[in-house]
Amino acid sequence: MEPLQFDLTLIQARGGNLCGDDRFTIVACAQCGTHYLYNEELRDIYYNPFDLSRRFFNIEMLGLPPCVGCGLIDWRFSASNPIKVEVQLGPWAWVLKQ
């Protein structure tokens, strides 16, 4: 499976929080499959593809807000990451390098 390539310049231009050692991935709710942008280095999870100011720090003690897709309060990332074509067809397609 081809790794996802992210457009860091565009992510930063749209309000993303970058540190220089960023490792982005797309994660999905294990229950409903809703996608989120996740910076593994900073542990920031971005909830809204149109408003990157809506980000939350992902640590167990704090917990995350409910999943925007299914409303599950105690949701987790699925075991497998979405494939490129799934991301390209969704609202986070713009974060990928073309």
Protein backbone atom coordinates (compact mmCIF):
# COMPACT_ATOMS: atom_id res chain seq x y z
CA MET A 1 0.00 0.00 0.00
CA GLU A 2 1.33 3.40 -1.01
CA PRO A 3 1.93 5.76 1.96
CA LEU A 4 -0.07 8.98 1.96
CA GLN A 5 1.85 12.14 1.06
CA PHE A 6 0.63 15.31 2.79
CA ASP A 7 0.82 18.92 1.56
CA LEU A 8 2.31 20.53 4.68
CA THR A 9 2.39 23.98 3.10
CA LEU A 10 -1.34 23.89 2.46
CA ILE A 11 -2.10 22.42 5.89
CA GLN A 12 -0.14 25.22 7.56
CA ALA A 13 -1.71 27.89 5.31
CA ARG A 14 -5.16 26.70 6.41
CA GLY A 15 -4.32 26.93 10.10
CA GLY A 16 -2.64 23.61 10.88
CA ASN A 17 -0.24 23.47 13.80
CA LEU A 18 3.22 22.35 12.57
CA CYS A 19 6.47 21.72 14.43
CA GLY A 20 8.90 20.71 11.68
CA ASP A 21 8.94 16.98 12.47
CA ASP A 22 5.30 16.47 11.58
CA ARG A 23 3.97 13.00 10.81
CA PHE A 24 0.46 13.30 9.48
CA THR A 25 -1.93 10.46 8.85
CA ILE A 26 -5.63 10.04 8.27
CA VAL A 27 -7.37 8.11 11.02
CA ALA A 28 -10.90 6.78 11.07
CA CYS A 29 -13.45 6.14 13.78
CA ALA A 30 -13.54 2.38 14.42
CA GLN A 31 -17.34 2.53 14.71
CA CYS A 32 -18.42 4.54 11.63
CA GLY A 33 -15.28 5.20 9.58
CA THR A 34 -15.41 9.02 9.74
CA HIS A 35 -11.99 10.41 8.79
CA TYR A 36 -9.85 12.82 10.77
CA LEU A 37 -6.45 14.37 10.12
CA TYR A 38 -3.93 13.43 12.80
CA ASN A 39 -0.46 14.84 13.50
CA GLU A 40 1.24 11.96 15.31
CA GLU A 41 4.18 14.12 16.41
CA LEU A 42 2.08 16.80 18.15
CA ARG A 43 -0.84 14.43 18.91
CA ASP A 44 -3.25 16.92 17.35
CA ILE A 45 -6.42 15.50 15.85
CA TYR A 46 -8.26 17.79 13.43
CA TYR A 47 -12.03 17.45 13.45
CA ASN A 48 -13.17 19.71 10.66
CA PRO A 49 -11.59 19.68 7.18
CA PHE A 50 -12.81 23.23 6.60
CA ASP A 51 -11.66 24.69 9.95
CA LEU A 52 -8.27 23.51 11.21
CA SER A 53 -8.69 25.58 14.36
CA ARG A 54 -10.91 22.70 15.57
CA ARG A 55 -8.16 20.45 16.83
CA PHE A 56 -7.79 18.50 20.02
CA PHE A 57 -4.84 17.05 21.90
CA ASN A 58 -5.06 13.26 21.80
CA ILE A 59 -4.06 11.81 25.16
CA GLU A 60 -5.97 9.21 27.11
CA MET A 61 -6.51 11.30 30.25
CA LEU A 62 -8.31 14.07 28.36
CA GLY A 63 -10.45 12.07 25.97
CA LEU A 64 -11.76 13.38 22.67
CA PRO A 65 -15.07 15.05 21.90
CA PRO A 66 -17.71 12.74 20.42
CA CYS A 67 -17.15 11.43 16.89
CA VAL A 68 -18.65 13.87 14.40
CA GLY A 69 -19.92 10.96 12.29
CA CYS A 70 -21.69 8.64 14.72
CA GLY A 71 -21.72 10.68 17.94
CA LEU A 72 -19.97 7.94 19.91
CA ILE A 73 -18.54 9.51 23.06
CA ASP A 74 -15.72 7.05 23.76
CA TRP A 75 -14.50 6.39 20.21
CA ARG A 76 -11.14 5.01 19.08
CA PHE A 77 -9.15 5.00 15.85
CA SER A 78 -9.69 1.95 13.67
CA ALA A 79 -6.86 -0.59 13.46
CA SER A 80 -6.17 0.15 9.78
CA ASN A 81 -5.64 3.49 8.09
CA PRO A 82 -7.84 4.42 5.12
CA ILE A 83 -6.35 3.83 1.69
CA LYS A 84 -5.49 6.76 -0.57
CA VAL A 85 -8.56 6.47 -2.79
CA GLU A 86 -10.86 6.61 0.27
CA VAL A 87 -9.20 9.84 1.38
CA GLN A 88 -9.29 11.29 -2.16
CA LEU A 89 -13.05 10.78 -2.25
CA GLY A 90 -13.67 12.44 1.11
CA PRO A 91 -13.52 15.91 2.66
CA TRP A 92 -9.82 15.57 3.59
CA ALA A 93 -8.68 15.08 -0.04
CA TRP A 94 -7.16 18.58 -0.12
CA VAL A 95 -4.46 17.62 2.46
CA LEU A 96 -2.85 15.15 0.06
CA LYS A 97 -0.09 16.11 -2.34
CA GLN A 98 -1.32 15.84 -5.92
